[in-house]
Amino acid sequence: MGSGSLYVGIDGHKNFSLLCTMTKEGEIIEEKKVRNEEIEKIIEELGLDNPIVVIEPTTTTYPLIRRLRKKTEIKLAHPQKPKL
């Protein structure tokens, strides 16, 4: 799959997160609840060159954002105005 063809939305919580993988057109490919330690592995398994990760910046998600931005494009989402 080419770069930028999928978005990964992350709703981060203290011990787990909800992930939603979708196309640019808004078609949901997969939704799942995962432990926070598994997120990087799951994103790598998508096989994208530069996946786009959309995440709300919170004190809980900042460590994850720091780790993910080394390998992905990060888009920070306003909690009340998320848009693709």
N, C-alpha and C. Protein backbone atom coordinates (compact mmCIF):
# COMPACT_ATOMS: atom_id res chain seq x y z
N MET A 1 0.84 -1.17 0.00
CA MET A 1 0.00 0.00 0.00
C MET A 1 0.89 1.24 0.00
N GLY A 2 0.50 2.26 -0.70
CA GLY A 2 1.33 3.45 -0.82
C GLY A 2 1.27 4.35 0.38
N SER A 3 2.24 5.25 0.45
CA SER A 3 2.31 6.20 1.54
C SER A 3 1.09 7.10 1.56
N GLY A 4 0.53 7.28 2.75
CA GLY A 4 -0.58 8.20 2.90
C GLY A 4 -1.92 7.64 2.47
N SER A 5 -2.00 6.35 2.11
CA SER A 5 -3.27 5.80 1.67
C SER A 5 -4.15 5.39 2.83
N LEU A 6 -3.60 5.29 4.03
CA LEU A 6 -4.38 4.96 5.20
C LEU A 6 -4.07 5.93 6.34
N TYR A 7 -5.10 6.18 7.13
CA TYR A 7 -4.94 6.97 8.35
C TYR A 7 -5.16 6.04 9.53
N VAL A 8 -4.42 6.28 10.60
CA VAL A 8 -4.62 5.54 11.84
C VAL A 8 -5.00 6.55 12.91
N GLY A 9 -6.24 6.48 13.37
CA GLY A 9 -6.70 7.35 14.44
C GLY A 9 -6.50 6.64 15.77
N ILE A 10 -5.96 7.37 16.74
CA ILE A 10 -5.72 6.78 18.05
C ILE A 10 -6.43 7.59 19.12
N ASP A 11 -7.28 6.91 19.89
CA ASP A 11 -7.91 7.49 21.06
C ASP A 11 -7.16 6.91 22.25
N GLY A 12 -6.19 7.68 22.75
CA GLY A 12 -5.29 7.17 23.77
C GLY A 12 -5.81 7.29 25.18
N HIS A 13 -5.56 6.25 25.96
CA HIS A 13 -5.92 6.21 27.38
C HIS A 13 -4.69 5.76 28.16
N LYS A 14 -4.80 5.69 29.46
CA LYS A 14 -3.64 5.39 30.30
C LYS A 14 -3.01 4.03 29.98
N ASN A 15 -3.80 2.98 29.90
CA ASN A 15 -3.26 1.63 29.72
C ASN A 15 -3.59 1.00 28.37
N PHE A 16 -4.56 1.55 27.67
CA PHE A 16 -4.96 1.00 26.37
C PHE A 16 -5.37 2.15 25.47
N SER A 17 -5.50 1.84 24.19
CA SER A 17 -5.96 2.83 23.23
C SER A 17 -6.92 2.17 22.25
N LEU A 18 -7.75 2.97 21.64
CA LEU A 18 -8.63 2.50 20.58
C LEU A 18 -8.03 2.97 19.27
N LEU A 19 -7.82 2.04 18.34
CA LEU A 19 -7.26 2.36 17.04
C LEU A 19 -8.31 2.19 15.97
N CYS A 20 -8.34 3.11 15.02
CA CYS A 20 -9.23 3.02 13.88
C CYS A 20 -8.40 3.28 12.63
N THR A 21 -8.34 2.31 11.76
CA THR A 21 -7.63 2.45 10.49
C THR A 21 -8.66 2.72 9.42
N MET A 22 -8.44 3.79 8.64
CA MET A 22 -9.42 4.14 7.61
C MET A 22 -8.74 4.73 6.39
N THR A 23 -9.46 4.70 5.27
CA THR A 23 -8.96 5.28 4.03
C THR A 23 -9.16 6.79 4.05
N LYS A 24 -8.56 7.45 3.10
CA LYS A 24 -8.72 8.90 2.98
C LYS A 24 -10.18 9.28 2.74
N GLU A 25 -10.93 8.39 2.11
CA GLU A 25 -12.34 8.63 1.82
C GLU A 25 -13.23 8.38 3.03
N GLY A 26 -12.68 7.87 4.13
CA GLY A 26 -13.44 7.65 5.34
C GLY A 26 -13.95 6.23 5.54
N GLU A 27 -13.56 5.31 4.67
CA GLU A 27 -13.97 3.91 4.82
C GLU A 27 -13.17 3.27 5.94
N ILE A 28 -13.85 2.73 6.94
CA ILE A 28 -13.18 2.11 8.07
C ILE A 28 -12.70 0.72 7.68
N ILE A 29 -11.41 0.50 7.87
CA ILE A 29 -10.80 -0.80 7.55
C ILE A 29 -10.82 -1.70 8.77
N GLU A 30 -10.48 -1.12 9.93
CA GLU A 30 -10.39 -1.92 11.15
C GLU A 30 -10.49 -1.02 12.38
N GLU A 31 -11.14 -1.52 13.40
CA GLU A 31 -11.19 -0.85 14.70
C GLU A 31 -10.82 -1.89 15.75
N LYS A 32 -9.98 -1.48 16.71
CA LYS A 32 -9.61 -2.42 17.76
C LYS A 32 -9.13 -1.69 18.99
N LYS A 33 -9.24 -2.38 20.11
CA LYS A 33 -8.73 -1.90 21.40
C LYS A 33 -7.42 -2.64 21.65
N VAL A 34 -6.35 -1.90 21.93
CA VAL A 34 -5.04 -2.52 22.12
C VAL A 34 -4.34 -1.93 23.35
N ARG A 35 -3.41 -2.70 23.88
CA ARG A 35 -2.56 -2.16 24.94
C ARG A 35 -1.61 -1.15 24.31
N ASN A 36 -1.26 -0.13 25.05
CA ASN A 36 -0.41 0.93 24.51
C ASN A 36 0.94 0.43 24.03
N GLU A 37 1.46 -0.63 24.66
CA GLU A 37 2.76 -1.17 24.25
C GLU A 37 2.71 -1.80 22.85
N GLU A 38 1.52 -2.13 22.36
CA GLU A 38 1.37 -2.81 21.08
C GLU A 38 1.19 -1.86 19.89
N ILE A 39 0.98 -0.59 20.14
CA ILE A 39 0.60 0.34 19.07
C ILE A 39 1.65 0.43 17.97
N GLU A 40 2.92 0.61 18.33
CA GLU A 40 3.96 0.73 17.31
C GLU A 40 4.05 -0.51 16.44
N LYS A 41 3.95 -1.68 17.04
CA LYS A 41 4.01 -2.94 16.29
C LYS A 41 2.84 -3.04 15.31
N ILE A 42 1.65 -2.68 15.77
CA ILE A 42 0.47 -2.75 14.92
C ILE A 42 0.59 -1.81 13.73
N ILE A 43 1.10 -0.61 13.95
CA ILE A 43 1.26 0.34 12.85
C ILE A 43 2.32 -0.15 11.86
N GLU A 44 3.40 -0.73 12.37
CA GLU A 44 4.42 -1.30 11.48
C GLU A 44 3.86 -2.42 10.62
N GLU A 45 2.96 -3.23 11.18
CA GLU A 45 2.37 -4.35 10.45
C GLU A 45 1.48 -3.90 9.30
N LEU A 46 1.08 -2.63 9.28
CA LEU A 46 0.28 -2.13 8.16
C LEU A 46 1.10 -2.10 6.87
N GLY A 47 2.43 -2.03 7.01
CA GLY A 47 3.30 -2.07 5.85
C GLY A 47 3.33 -0.79 5.02
N LEU A 48 3.03 0.34 5.64
CA LEU A 48 3.06 1.62 4.93
C LEU A 48 4.42 2.28 5.07
N ASP A 49 4.82 3.02 4.02
CA ASP A 49 6.10 3.72 4.06
C ASP A 49 6.09 4.84 5.09
N ASN A 50 5.03 5.62 5.11
CA ASN A 50 4.93 6.76 6.02
C ASN A 50 3.46 6.93 6.43
N PRO A 51 2.98 6.07 7.33
CA PRO A 51 1.56 6.17 7.70
C PRO A 51 1.25 7.49 8.38
N ILE A 52 0.02 7.92 8.25
CA ILE A 52 -0.44 9.16 8.88
C ILE A 52 -1.22 8.77 10.13
N VAL A 53 -0.74 9.22 11.28
CA VAL A 53 -1.37 8.92 12.55
C VAL A 53 -2.02 10.18 13.08
N VAL A 54 -3.30 10.08 13.40
CA VAL A 54 -4.06 11.20 13.95
C VAL A 54 -4.32 10.89 15.41
N ILE A 55 -3.91 11.83 16.29
CA ILE A 55 -4.01 11.58 17.71
C ILE A 55 -4.25 12.89 18.46
N GLU A 56 -5.03 12.80 19.51
CA GLU A 56 -5.28 13.97 20.35
C GLU A 56 -4.12 14.14 21.32
N PRO A 57 -3.50 15.33 21.37
CA PRO A 57 -2.38 15.51 22.29
C PRO A 57 -2.87 15.68 23.73
N THR A 58 -2.50 14.74 24.57
CA THR A 58 -2.83 14.81 26.00
C THR A 58 -1.59 14.40 26.79
N THR A 59 -1.64 14.57 28.09
CA THR A 59 -0.49 14.16 28.89
C THR A 59 -0.26 12.65 28.79
N THR A 60 -1.30 11.90 28.54
CA THR A 60 -1.18 10.45 28.40
C THR A 60 -0.56 10.06 27.06
N THR A 61 -0.86 10.82 26.00
CA THR A 61 -0.40 10.43 24.66
C THR A 61 0.93 11.03 24.25
N TYR A 62 1.45 12.04 24.96
CA TYR A 62 2.71 12.65 24.54
C TYR A 62 3.88 11.66 24.42
N PRO A 63 4.08 10.75 25.37
CA PRO A 63 5.17 9.78 25.19
C PRO A 63 5.00 8.94 23.91
N LEU A 64 3.77 8.55 23.62
CA LEU A 64 3.49 7.79 22.40
C LEU A 64 3.77 8.63 21.16
N ILE A 65 3.35 9.88 21.18
CA ILE A 65 3.59 10.78 20.05
C ILE A 65 5.09 10.90 19.79
N ARG A 66 5.88 11.06 20.83
CA ARG A 66 7.34 11.18 20.67
C ARG A 66 7.93 9.94 20.01
N ARG A 67 7.45 8.76 20.41
CA ARG A 67 7.97 7.52 19.81
C ARG A 67 7.51 7.36 18.36
N LEU A 68 6.25 7.66 18.10
CA LEU A 68 5.69 7.44 16.76
C LEU A 68 6.23 8.42 15.72
N ARG A 69 6.55 9.64 16.12
CA ARG A 69 6.95 10.62 15.12
C ARG A 69 8.28 10.30 14.46
N LYS A 70 9.02 9.35 14.98
CA LYS A 70 10.26 8.91 14.35
C LYS A 70 9.98 8.10 13.09
N LYS A 71 8.82 7.44 13.04
CA LYS A 71 8.51 6.54 11.92
C LYS A 71 7.24 6.88 11.16
N THR A 72 6.46 7.84 11.66
CA THR A 72 5.17 8.15 11.05
C THR A 72 4.99 9.65 10.93
N GLU A 73 4.01 10.04 10.14
CA GLU A 73 3.60 11.44 10.09
C GLU A 73 2.49 11.61 11.12
N ILE A 74 2.67 12.54 12.04
CA ILE A 74 1.70 12.76 13.11
C ILE A 74 0.85 13.98 12.80
N LYS A 75 -0.45 13.83 12.92
CA LYS A 75 -1.40 14.94 12.82
C LYS A 75 -2.08 15.04 14.18
N LEU A 76 -1.95 16.19 14.83
CA LEU A 76 -2.59 16.38 16.13
C LEU A 76 -4.03 16.81 15.92
N ALA A 77 -4.94 16.17 16.61
CA ALA A 77 -6.37 16.43 16.45
C ALA A 77 -6.91 17.23 17.63
N HIS A 78 -7.64 18.27 17.33
CA HIS A 78 -8.36 19.01 18.35
C HIS A 78 -9.50 18.11 18.81
N PRO A 79 -9.71 17.97 20.12
CA PRO A 79 -10.71 17.01 20.59
C PRO A 79 -12.15 17.29 20.12
N GLN A 80 -12.45 18.54 19.79
CA GLN A 80 -13.81 18.85 19.37
C GLN A 80 -13.93 19.07 17.87
N LYS A 81 -12.84 19.03 17.13
CA LYS A 81 -12.90 19.35 15.70
C LYS A 81 -12.08 18.40 14.83
N PRO A 82 -12.11 17.09 15.04
CA PRO A 82 -11.30 16.23 14.18
C PRO A 82 -11.84 16.17 12.76
N LYS A 83 -10.96 16.36 11.78
CA LYS A 83 -11.30 16.27 10.35
C LYS A 83 -10.14 15.66 9.61
N LEU A 84 -10.42 15.00 8.52
CA LEU A 84 -9.35 14.47 7.66
C LEU A 84 -8.89 15.56 6.73
